[in-house]
Amino acid sequence: MKEGTISESQETLEDPKTLKIFLFIKNQYPETVGIREALRATKMRSSNTVNRHLIRLEDAGLVTKLSSNRYVLSELGESTQSFNVSTTVKARLFKGTLVTNNVFKVSFLLVMAILTLVLIFFDPIAAAINGIIGLTAHGIISFIQYRKEKEKLDMYKNTSDKT
């Protein structure tokens, strides 16, 4: 059994395919997992690819290879509860600087809040309407953003369902 460090395991799990296999094994625990089972569950094309990722998991100390050529979660793998997930971030070029879309959302909210505060003194009804529009728009934008991020994470979903 190889001993890995937490930083090694975090680095290993940054690879999406390795993470997918790890999640499958973690979900099957305490059962052992063979290469072909992991291949089917992760829908990868080659047993060599699965084997390579299993070796990476073993080297990081997250799984243990048994004499039967099957794999089981190690103590480190069992205790691992959080890890970094690779994802892309949409950004825009604004006056020569890359900024995320969240900057525009925060700017929108600030402008709506200031406008609502100013309108309170002149027309409370308009302020209320402005506040409702701002909160509704924020809710819609946040929901759309949540759905996009969820779609990215759903690629790991198939392996976390117990088979």
Protein backbone atom coordinates (compact mmCIF):
# COMPACT_ATOMS: atom_id res chain seq x y z
CA MET A 1 0.00 0.00 0.00
CA LYS A 2 1.41 3.34 -1.01
CA GLU A 3 1.04 6.31 1.27
CA GLY A 4 0.12 9.59 -0.35
CA THR A 5 -0.16 13.05 1.07
CA ILE A 6 -3.26 15.20 1.03
CA SER A 7 -1.63 17.63 -1.41
CA GLU A 8 -0.72 14.74 -3.75
CA SER A 9 -4.27 13.44 -3.60
CA GLN A 10 -5.69 16.92 -4.30
CA GLU A 11 -3.39 17.28 -7.31
CA THR A 12 -4.34 13.81 -8.59
CA LEU A 13 -8.05 14.55 -8.33
CA GLU A 14 -7.72 17.69 -10.46
CA ASP A 15 -7.80 15.45 -13.55
CA PRO A 16 -11.49 15.01 -14.48
CA LYS A 17 -11.11 11.35 -15.55
CA THR A 18 -9.22 10.42 -12.41
CA LEU A 19 -11.84 12.19 -10.30
CA LYS A 20 -14.62 10.35 -12.11
CA ILE A 21 -13.01 6.97 -11.35
CA PHE A 22 -12.34 8.00 -7.74
CA LEU A 23 -15.98 9.00 -7.24
CA PHE A 24 -17.10 5.65 -8.63
CA ILE A 25 -14.80 3.72 -6.27
CA LYS A 26 -15.79 5.92 -3.34
CA ASN A 27 -19.46 5.26 -4.04
CA GLN A 28 -18.88 1.49 -4.25
CA TYR A 29 -16.99 1.38 -0.93
CA PRO A 30 -16.59 -1.01 0.90
CA GLU A 31 -16.94 -3.18 -2.22
CA THR A 32 -13.89 -3.70 -4.42
CA VAL A 33 -13.79 -2.46 -7.99
CA GLY A 34 -12.19 -4.01 -11.06
CA ILE A 35 -10.89 -2.24 -14.15
CA ARG A 36 -13.78 -3.40 -16.36
CA GLU A 37 -16.39 -2.23 -13.83
CA ALA A 38 -14.75 1.18 -13.66
CA LEU A 39 -14.56 1.24 -17.47
CA ARG A 40 -18.30 0.60 -17.82
CA ALA A 41 -19.31 2.98 -15.04
CA THR A 42 -17.22 5.89 -16.28
CA LYS A 43 -17.97 5.23 -19.97
CA MET A 44 -14.31 5.56 -20.90
CA ARG A 45 -13.13 3.97 -24.12
CA SER A 46 -10.07 2.04 -23.03
CA SER A 47 -9.20 -0.21 -20.13
CA ASN A 48 -5.62 1.08 -20.46
CA THR A 49 -6.88 4.60 -19.72
CA VAL A 50 -8.79 3.39 -16.67
CA ASN A 51 -5.75 1.42 -15.50
CA ARG A 52 -3.50 4.49 -15.86
CA HIS A 53 -5.88 6.57 -13.73
CA LEU A 54 -6.19 3.79 -11.14
CA ILE A 55 -2.38 3.72 -10.87
CA ARG A 56 -2.42 7.50 -10.32
CA LEU A 57 -5.01 7.04 -7.55
CA GLU A 58 -2.90 4.29 -6.00
CA ASP A 59 0.28 6.40 -6.19
CA ALA A 60 -1.55 9.24 -4.43
CA GLY A 61 -2.64 6.82 -1.70
CA LEU A 62 -6.36 7.18 -2.43
CA VAL A 63 -6.95 3.53 -3.38
CA THR A 64 -5.26 0.25 -2.61
CA LYS A 65 -4.65 -2.46 -5.21
CA LEU A 66 -5.48 -5.90 -3.87
CA SER A 67 -3.75 -9.14 -4.86
CA SER A 68 -6.87 -9.99 -6.90
CA ASN A 69 -6.09 -6.94 -9.14
CA ARG A 70 -9.14 -5.17 -7.76
CA TYR A 71 -9.13 -1.80 -6.06
CA VAL A 72 -10.59 -0.57 -2.80
CA LEU A 73 -10.68 2.83 -1.17
CA SER A 74 -7.79 3.51 1.21
CA GLU A 75 -8.10 5.34 4.53
CA LEU A 76 -6.99 8.56 2.84
CA GLY A 77 -9.51 8.02 0.04
CA GLU A 78 -12.25 7.33 2.54
CA SER A 79 -11.49 10.51 4.50
CA THR A 80 -11.22 12.72 1.39
CA GLN A 81 -14.39 14.82 1.33
CA SER A 82 -13.46 17.89 -0.71
CA PHE A 83 -11.34 18.49 -3.77
CA ASN A 84 -10.82 20.96 -6.58
CA VAL A 85 -12.88 20.41 -9.71
CA SER A 86 -11.51 21.74 -12.98
CA THR A 87 -13.92 24.06 -14.71
CA THR A 88 -13.80 26.99 -17.08
CA VAL A 89 -14.75 30.52 -16.17
CA LYS A 90 -16.33 32.84 -18.70
CA ALA A 91 -14.59 36.17 -18.79
CA ARG A 92 -14.83 39.29 -20.90
CA LEU A 93 -12.23 41.74 -21.99
CA PHE A 94 -13.17 45.10 -20.48
CA LYS A 95 -10.84 48.04 -21.10
CA GLY A 96 -7.87 45.72 -21.49
CA THR A 97 -8.62 43.62 -18.39
CA LEU A 98 -10.20 40.19 -18.13
CA VAL A 99 -13.18 40.26 -15.79
CA THR A 100 -15.65 37.49 -14.94
CA ASN A 101 -19.34 37.84 -15.61
CA ASN A 102 -19.87 38.12 -11.85
CA VAL A 103 -18.35 41.60 -11.97
CA PHE A 104 -21.14 42.73 -14.27
CA LYS A 105 -23.75 41.11 -12.02
CA VAL A 106 -22.37 42.88 -8.94
CA SER A 107 -22.21 46.18 -10.84
CA PHE A 108 -25.83 45.75 -11.91
CA LEU A 109 -26.89 45.09 -8.30
CA LEU A 110 -25.01 48.14 -7.02
CA VAL A 111 -26.58 50.41 -9.63
CA MET A 112 -30.05 49.01 -8.86
CA ALA A 113 -29.51 49.48 -5.10
CA ILE A 114 -28.30 53.07 -5.49
CA LEU A 115 -31.17 53.88 -7.86
CA THR A 116 -33.66 52.36 -5.40
CA LEU A 117 -32.22 54.44 -2.52
CA VAL A 118 -32.43 57.64 -4.57
CA LEU A 119 -35.97 56.88 -5.74
CA ILE A 120 -37.15 56.33 -2.14
CA PHE A 121 -36.94 60.09 -1.57
CA PHE A 122 -38.74 61.07 -4.77
CA ASP A 123 -41.17 58.27 -5.56
CA PRO A 124 -41.45 55.33 -3.14
CA ILE A 125 -43.62 53.33 -5.53
CA ALA A 126 -41.02 53.63 -8.31
CA ALA A 127 -38.35 52.64 -5.77
CA ALA A 128 -40.31 49.52 -4.84
CA ILE A 129 -40.83 48.60 -8.49
CA ASN A 130 -37.14 49.20 -9.21
CA GLY A 131 -36.17 47.01 -6.25
CA ILE A 132 -38.48 44.21 -7.36
CA ILE A 133 -37.14 44.35 -10.93
CA GLY A 134 -33.55 44.31 -9.66
CA LEU A 135 -34.10 41.37 -7.33
CA THR A 136 -36.01 39.43 -9.99
CA ALA A 137 -33.27 40.02 -12.56
CA HIS A 138 -30.64 38.99 -10.04
CA GLY A 139 -32.57 35.82 -9.22
CA ILE A 140 -32.92 34.90 -12.90
CA ILE A 141 -29.25 35.58 -13.65
CA SER A 142 -28.16 33.57 -10.57
CA PHE A 143 -30.41 30.66 -11.53
CA ILE A 144 -29.03 30.57 -15.08
CA GLN A 145 -25.49 30.66 -13.73
CA TYR A 146 -26.30 27.86 -11.27
CA ARG A 147 -27.69 25.67 -14.06
CA LYS A 148 -24.58 26.17 -16.20
CA GLU A 149 -22.28 25.23 -13.32
CA LYS A 150 -24.47 22.24 -12.46
CA GLU A 151 -24.24 20.98 -16.05
CA LYS A 152 -20.45 21.05 -15.79
CA LEU A 153 -20.54 19.04 -12.57
CA ASP A 154 -23.12 16.58 -13.91
CA MET A 155 -20.40 14.91 -15.97
CA TYR A 156 -19.39 13.24 -12.69
CA LYS A 157 -22.96 12.29 -11.73
CA ASN A 158 -23.15 8.90 -13.48
CA THR A 159 -20.31 7.54 -11.40
CA SER A 160 -21.71 8.70 -8.06
CA ASP A 161 -24.95 6.73 -8.44
CA LYS A 162 -24.56 3.32 -6.80
CA THR A 163 -24.82 0.60 -9.45
